Amino acid sequence: MARAWHLKSRPEAMPAPENFELKEFDPGAMGDGMIRVKNSWLTVDPYMRGRMRDVKSYVPPFQIDAPLEGGAIGEVIESQADGFAVGDMVNHGAGWRDEAVIDASTAQKLPELGVPAQSFLGYLGMPGMTAYFGLLEIGQAKEGDTVFVSGAAGAVGSTVIQIAKAKGMKAIGSAGGADKCEWVKSLGADDCIDYKSDGDLLHKMMDAMPNGLDVYFDNVGGEHLDCAFAVANPGARFAECGMISGYNSTDPMEFRYIMNLIGKGIMMKGFIVTQFMARAAEFYQDMGAMVADGKLESQETVHDGIESQVDAFIGLFTGGNTGKMLVKV
């Protein structure tokens, strides 16, 4: 019998194990156009926290006592769909479970790029596409720009750092802890701010970027965003990808320097990666070339077994990952 994690109750603040339940479920019957997938890799991502709230958003909220959803990589073990054969490896959205029966139109066969399958949940998957289009399209980053990336040791942020360097930009990251900062610098970052170390964040950012920032790729929000308003150059572009510092908080955000948005003519734009899905071929072509040239690398924090998925998810909000957080089924 297949197993899936279900949402037992809605977290009020930080998610806790008691909000989730792993139990047997029926993945559904096969029909025309359907495939059955045995999942090998599952992802956890910060956006999933928002879907645990019963609010209207760009995706429907998770339902109580229903299987959770998320990215997954798996092997087709049964097919009634043209173009999909037993043994094909696919990327799909029926994660948080060990087996799925899905409409084949919602799955994508993995491209042949010579990388491990789980890479398509990381820098060659949704996080990588978020980094690529967020930096180059939303942030309008160009050669010579100074790019500041918060959450630089995460799946999205670490990819932004590498793309920025591959495209001839100066890249400054922010991460929590000396070890994470050293890793970010090993990816090519010109500097990395340890926001957990002693000292004022604003002064750390001013020291790291004495000539200001041209593009801010925001994964954190909160104080990082506020200080970015202060450090930004005239005409800076802010790509608003996430605000993880506030995902489990019930306190309002306060900003001291937001008025610089007006005087400096800062462009601030939020985005969702789904708006770029139709350009996947462009993404794979450019990112694949960077991989082939040795300009991109991946690091993963892997939890073993579906039983560990909740621990992996909670770890996203407690600094438990370097690079992409994954669960190996």
Protein backbone atom coordinates (compact mmCIF):
# COMPACT_ATOMS: atom_id res chain seq x y z
CA MET A 1 0.00 0.00 0.00
CA ALA A 2 1.28 3.46 -0.85
CA ARG A 3 2.00 5.96 1.89
CA ALA A 4 1.68 9.75 1.91
CA TRP A 5 2.12 12.57 4.36
CA HIS A 6 -1.18 14.27 5.19
CA LEU A 7 -1.79 17.68 6.75
CA LYS A 8 -3.32 16.90 10.13
CA SER A 9 -3.70 20.50 11.34
CA ARG A 10 -2.64 23.95 10.19
CA PRO A 11 0.52 25.32 11.85
CA GLU A 12 0.01 28.61 13.67
CA ALA A 13 3.69 29.55 13.65
CA MET A 14 6.65 27.18 13.20
CA PRO A 15 5.41 23.85 11.79
CA ALA A 16 5.71 20.93 14.20
CA PRO A 17 5.58 17.13 13.73
CA GLU A 18 2.09 17.00 15.24
CA ASN A 19 0.77 19.00 12.26
CA PHE A 20 1.48 16.05 9.95
CA GLU A 21 0.59 12.37 9.68
CA LEU A 22 2.12 9.65 7.51
CA LYS A 23 -0.44 7.04 6.57
CA GLU A 24 -1.51 4.63 3.88
CA PHE A 25 -3.54 5.97 0.99
CA ASP A 26 -4.97 4.88 -2.34
CA PRO A 27 -3.09 6.66 -5.16
CA GLY A 28 -6.03 6.10 -7.52
CA ALA A 29 -6.89 3.91 -10.47
CA MET A 30 -5.06 3.90 -13.78
CA GLY A 31 -6.83 5.16 -16.86
CA ASP A 32 -6.09 6.44 -20.35
CA GLY A 33 -3.33 9.02 -20.29
CA MET A 34 -2.20 8.04 -16.81
CA ILE A 35 1.12 6.82 -15.43
CA ARG A 36 2.07 5.18 -12.14
CA VAL A 37 5.32 6.49 -10.67
CA LYS A 38 7.48 5.05 -7.93
CA ASN A 39 9.07 8.09 -6.33
CA SER A 40 12.81 8.10 -5.72
CA TRP A 41 13.40 11.69 -4.60
CA LEU A 42 11.14 14.21 -2.86
CA THR A 43 11.69 17.90 -2.34
CA VAL A 44 10.74 20.30 0.42
CA ASP A 45 10.61 24.01 -0.36
CA PRO A 46 9.75 27.14 1.64
CA TYR A 47 6.70 27.99 -0.49
CA MET A 48 4.97 24.91 0.91
CA ARG A 49 4.60 26.72 4.24
CA GLY A 50 2.24 29.23 2.63
CA ARG A 51 0.00 26.47 1.33
CA MET A 52 -0.52 25.27 4.89
CA ARG A 53 -2.52 28.43 5.60
CA ASP A 54 -6.19 28.55 4.64
CA VAL A 55 -5.85 31.71 2.59
CA LYS A 56 -6.34 32.59 -1.05
CA SER A 57 -3.06 32.69 -2.92
CA TYR A 58 -1.50 31.88 -6.29
CA VAL A 59 -1.93 28.16 -5.52
CA PRO A 60 -4.75 26.54 -3.52
CA PRO A 61 -4.05 25.76 0.15
CA PHE A 62 -3.37 22.22 1.27
CA GLN A 63 -6.48 20.55 2.64
CA ILE A 64 -6.75 19.01 6.09
CA ASP A 65 -6.44 15.20 6.07
CA ALA A 66 -5.44 15.19 2.41
CA PRO A 67 -2.08 14.16 0.95
CA LEU A 68 0.42 17.00 0.65
CA GLU A 69 1.95 17.84 -2.72
CA GLY A 70 5.37 18.90 -3.96
CA GLY A 71 8.06 18.16 -6.47
CA ALA A 72 9.24 14.59 -6.96
CA ILE A 73 11.45 12.50 -9.22
CA GLY A 74 10.43 8.93 -9.90
CA GLU A 75 10.40 5.98 -12.25
CA VAL A 76 7.40 5.07 -14.36
CA ILE A 77 6.33 1.57 -13.31
CA GLU A 78 3.06 1.44 -15.29
CA SER A 79 1.90 3.50 -18.25
CA GLN A 80 -1.29 4.04 -20.21
CA ALA A 81 0.02 7.22 -21.82
CA ASP A 82 1.61 7.75 -25.21
CA GLY A 83 5.21 8.85 -24.96
CA PHE A 84 5.83 7.36 -21.52
CA ALA A 85 7.30 3.90 -21.07
CA VAL A 86 8.06 1.78 -18.04
CA GLY A 87 11.51 2.77 -16.82
CA ASP A 88 11.28 6.43 -17.83
CA MET A 89 12.42 8.88 -15.14
CA VAL A 90 10.04 11.80 -14.68
CA ASN A 91 9.68 15.02 -12.74
CA HIS A 92 6.19 15.69 -11.39
CA GLY A 93 4.24 17.41 -8.62
CA ALA A 94 2.82 14.49 -6.61
CA GLY A 95 5.44 14.41 -3.88
CA TRP A 96 5.21 13.80 -0.12
CA ARG A 97 4.37 10.16 -1.02
CA ASP A 98 6.20 7.06 -2.19
CA GLU A 99 3.94 6.28 -5.16
CA ALA A 100 1.70 8.37 -7.39
CA VAL A 101 -0.84 7.83 -10.17
CA ILE A 102 -0.94 11.00 -12.25
CA ASP A 103 -2.04 12.42 -15.57
CA ALA A 104 0.99 12.10 -17.83
CA SER A 105 0.46 15.67 -19.04
CA THR A 106 1.58 16.86 -15.60
CA ALA A 107 4.91 14.97 -15.78
CA GLN A 108 8.10 15.78 -17.67
CA LYS A 109 10.68 13.23 -18.76
CA LEU A 110 14.11 14.21 -17.52
CA PRO A 111 16.37 15.82 -20.15
CA GLU A 112 19.64 14.09 -20.98
CA LEU A 113 22.13 16.49 -19.39
CA GLY A 114 24.45 13.96 -17.78
CA VAL A 115 23.60 14.90 -14.19
CA PRO A 116 22.08 12.90 -11.30
CA ALA A 117 18.28 12.65 -11.40
CA GLN A 118 17.81 14.64 -8.20
CA SER A 119 19.46 17.66 -9.85
CA PHE A 120 16.11 18.28 -11.53
CA LEU A 121 14.66 19.11 -8.12
CA GLY A 122 17.51 21.54 -7.49
CA TYR A 123 19.63 23.74 -9.72
CA LEU A 124 18.15 22.21 -12.89
CA GLY A 125 14.61 22.18 -11.54
CA MET A 126 12.20 24.64 -9.99
CA PRO A 127 14.80 26.31 -7.72
CA GLY A 128 17.23 26.70 -10.61
CA MET A 129 14.57 28.12 -12.89
CA THR A 130 13.53 30.51 -10.11
CA ALA A 131 17.13 31.67 -9.79
CA TYR A 132 17.70 31.98 -13.53
CA PHE A 133 14.63 33.96 -14.52
CA GLY A 134 14.46 35.88 -11.25
CA LEU A 135 17.98 37.19 -11.70
CA LEU A 136 18.06 37.77 -15.45
CA GLU A 137 14.44 38.59 -16.26
CA ILE A 138 12.94 40.12 -13.10
CA GLY A 139 16.18 41.62 -11.76
CA GLN A 140 17.38 42.56 -15.26
CA ALA A 141 20.92 41.77 -14.07
CA LYS A 142 23.71 42.40 -16.54
CA GLU A 143 27.48 42.10 -16.74
CA GLY A 144 29.22 44.41 -14.30
CA ASP A 145 26.29 44.69 -11.86
CA THR A 146 26.70 44.10 -8.14
CA VAL A 147 24.17 41.47 -7.10
CA PHE A 148 23.26 40.87 -3.46
CA VAL A 149 21.62 37.54 -2.61
CA SER A 150 20.03 36.76 0.76
CA GLY A 151 19.63 33.10 1.66
CA ALA A 152 22.70 32.46 -0.47
CA ALA A 153 23.36 29.00 0.99
CA GLY A 154 19.94 27.72 -0.03
CA ALA A 155 18.93 25.98 -3.23
CA VAL A 156 17.79 29.14 -5.03
CA GLY A 157 20.32 31.55 -3.57
CA SER A 158 23.37 29.39 -4.27
CA THR A 159 22.27 29.03 -7.88
CA VAL A 160 21.80 32.80 -8.20
CA ILE A 161 25.38 33.31 -6.98
CA GLN A 162 26.75 30.92 -9.62
CA ILE A 163 24.69 32.31 -12.49
CA ALA A 164 25.71 35.85 -11.55
CA LYS A 165 29.40 34.93 -11.63
CA ALA A 166 29.01 32.99 -14.88
CA LYS A 167 27.44 36.10 -16.43
CA GLY A 168 30.21 38.48 -15.33
CA MET A 169 28.63 40.09 -12.27
CA LYS A 170 29.92 40.81 -8.79
CA ALA A 171 28.03 38.56 -6.36
CA ILE A 172 27.66 39.13 -2.63
CA GLY A 173 25.77 36.61 -0.52
CA SER A 174 24.34 36.44 2.97
CA ALA A 175 24.10 33.23 4.98
CA GLY A 176 23.86 32.09 8.58
CA GLY A 177 27.16 30.85 9.98
CA ALA A 178 30.82 30.83 9.01
CA ASP A 179 30.71 27.38 7.39
CA LYS A 180 27.84 28.32 5.10
CA CYS A 181 29.56 31.56 4.15
CA GLU A 182 32.74 29.70 3.26
CA TRP A 183 30.73 27.38 1.05
CA VAL A 184 29.03 30.31 -0.69
CA LYS A 185 32.44 31.85 -1.36
CA SER A 186 33.66 28.51 -2.71
CA LEU A 187 30.94 28.84 -5.37
CA GLY A 188 32.63 32.03 -6.56
CA ALA A 189 30.92 34.70 -4.46
CA ASP A 190 33.06 37.80 -4.04
CA ASP A 191 32.03 37.97 -0.39
CA CYS A 192 29.47 36.49 1.98
CA ILE A 193 27.97 38.19 5.03
CA ASP A 194 27.41 36.06 8.12
CA TYR A 195 24.22 37.64 9.40
CA LYS A 196 24.38 35.53 12.58
CA SER A 197 27.76 36.91 13.68
CA ASP A 198 28.13 39.90 15.97
CA GLY A 199 27.55 43.28 14.44
CA ASP A 200 24.90 45.34 12.72
CA LEU A 201 23.60 43.90 9.42
CA LEU A 202 23.43 47.29 7.73
CA HIS A 203 27.08 48.02 8.41
CA LYS A 204 28.07 44.54 7.27
CA MET A 205 26.27 45.14 3.98
CA MET A 206 27.81 48.58 3.54
CA ASP A 207 31.28 47.15 4.15
CA ALA A 208 30.70 44.30 1.68
CA MET A 209 29.22 46.62 -0.97
CA PRO A 210 30.94 50.01 -0.60
CA ASN A 211 29.73 50.98 -4.08
CA GLY A 212 26.16 49.85 -3.39
CA LEU A 213 24.05 47.14 -4.98
CA ASP A 214 22.42 47.13 -8.39
CA VAL A 215 20.29 43.99 -7.99
CA TYR A 216 18.88 42.47 -4.82
CA PHE A 217 17.65 38.90 -5.09
CA ASP A 218 15.47 38.56 -2.00
CA ASN A 219 14.82 35.17 -0.42
CA VAL A 220 14.58 36.41 3.18
CA GLY A 221 12.69 39.70 3.52
CA GLY A 222 12.67 41.35 6.95
CA GLU A 223 15.85 43.14 8.01
CA HIS A 224 17.73 42.05 4.89
CA LEU A 225 15.16 43.74 2.68
CA ASP A 226 15.11 46.85 4.84
CA CYS A 227 18.89 47.22 4.74
CA ALA A 228 18.91 46.60 0.98
CA PHE A 229 16.77 49.73 0.58
CA ALA A 230 19.56 51.66 2.33
CA VAL A 231 22.44 50.15 0.32
CA ALA A 232 20.77 50.18 -3.11
CA ASN A 233 22.09 52.34 -5.92
CA PRO A 234 19.75 54.62 -7.88
CA GLY A 235 17.75 52.52 -10.31
CA ALA A 236 18.40 49.25 -8.43
CA ARG A 237 16.14 46.31 -9.16
CA PHE A 238 14.74 44.07 -6.41
CA ALA A 239 13.64 40.57 -7.46
CA GLU A 240 11.28 39.48 -4.70
CA CYS A 241 11.42 35.69 -4.63
CA GLY A 242 10.65 34.92 -0.99
CA MET A 243 10.53 36.28 2.55
CA ILE A 244 11.29 33.23 4.64
CA SER A 245 12.03 35.29 7.74
CA GLY A 246 8.31 36.03 8.01
CA TYR A 247 6.78 32.71 7.02
CA ASN A 248 6.33 31.49 10.59
CA SER A 249 5.96 34.89 12.26
CA THR A 250 2.78 36.57 13.43
CA ASP A 251 4.52 39.92 13.95
CA PRO A 252 4.24 42.72 11.36
CA MET A 253 7.33 43.66 9.36
CA GLU A 254 8.80 47.07 10.07
CA PHE A 255 10.96 49.02 7.61
CA ARG A 256 13.18 52.00 8.39
CA TYR A 257 14.61 52.64 4.94
CA ILE A 258 11.71 51.89 2.63
CA MET A 259 11.33 55.54 1.58
CA ASN A 260 14.51 55.06 -0.49
CA LEU A 261 12.26 53.14 -2.86
CA ILE A 262 11.01 56.53 -4.06
CA GLY A 263 14.12 58.69 -4.01
CA LYS A 264 16.36 56.06 -5.59
CA GLY A 265 13.79 54.96 -8.16
CA ILE A 266 14.09 51.33 -7.05
CA MET A 267 12.12 48.81 -9.09
CA MET A 268 10.71 46.10 -6.81
CA LYS A 269 8.88 43.18 -8.39
CA GLY A 270 7.61 39.90 -7.04
CA PHE A 271 7.39 36.82 -9.21
CA ILE A 272 6.38 33.17 -9.29
CA VAL A 273 8.43 30.68 -11.28
CA THR A 274 5.35 29.21 -12.96
CA GLN A 275 5.11 32.28 -15.18
CA PHE A 276 8.31 31.11 -16.92
CA MET A 277 7.51 27.41 -17.39
CA ALA A 278 6.84 27.88 -21.10
CA ARG A 279 10.51 28.92 -21.46
CA ALA A 280 11.92 25.69 -19.98
CA ALA A 281 13.81 24.84 -23.19
CA GLU A 282 15.66 28.17 -23.02
CA PHE A 283 16.52 27.50 -19.38
CA TYR A 284 17.83 23.98 -20.03
CA GLN A 285 19.92 25.12 -23.00
CA ASP A 286 21.70 27.92 -21.13
CA MET A 287 22.02 26.10 -17.79
CA GLY A 288 23.11 22.92 -19.54
CA ALA A 289 25.92 24.88 -21.23
CA MET A 290 27.00 26.27 -17.87
CA VAL A 291 27.02 22.78 -16.39
CA ALA A 292 29.10 21.50 -19.31
CA ASP A 293 31.56 24.38 -18.81
CA GLY A 294 31.95 23.56 -15.12
CA LYS A 295 30.38 26.84 -14.02
CA LEU A 296 27.62 25.27 -11.91
CA GLU A 297 27.75 22.80 -9.07
CA SER A 298 25.25 21.46 -6.60
CA GLN A 299 25.27 20.60 -2.94
CA GLU A 300 22.47 18.67 -1.31
CA THR A 301 21.33 18.02 2.23
CA VAL A 302 19.68 14.60 2.05
CA HIS A 303 17.30 12.98 4.53
CA ASP A 304 16.81 9.23 4.13
CA GLY A 305 13.36 7.70 3.93
CA ILE A 306 9.90 9.16 3.52
CA GLU A 307 9.57 9.03 7.31
CA SER A 308 12.08 11.91 7.49
CA GLN A 309 10.22 14.34 5.23
CA VAL A 310 8.68 16.45 8.00
CA ASP A 311 12.06 16.80 9.70
CA ALA A 312 13.51 17.91 6.38
CA PHE A 313 10.72 20.45 5.88
CA ILE A 314 11.07 21.95 9.35
CA GLY A 315 14.84 22.10 8.81
CA LEU A 316 14.31 24.65 6.05
CA PHE A 317 13.30 27.19 8.71
CA THR A 318 15.97 26.34 11.26
CA GLY A 319 19.05 26.53 9.06
CA GLY A 320 19.25 22.78 8.58
CA ASN A 321 20.26 22.79 4.94
CA THR A 322 23.20 23.77 2.82
CA GLY A 323 22.13 23.80 -0.81
CA LYS A 324 19.05 21.81 -1.77
CA MET A 325 17.07 19.98 0.90
CA LEU A 326 15.97 16.57 -0.41
CA VAL A 327 14.44 13.33 0.81
CA LYS A 328 15.64 10.06 -0.69
CA VAL A 329 12.74 7.61 -0.60
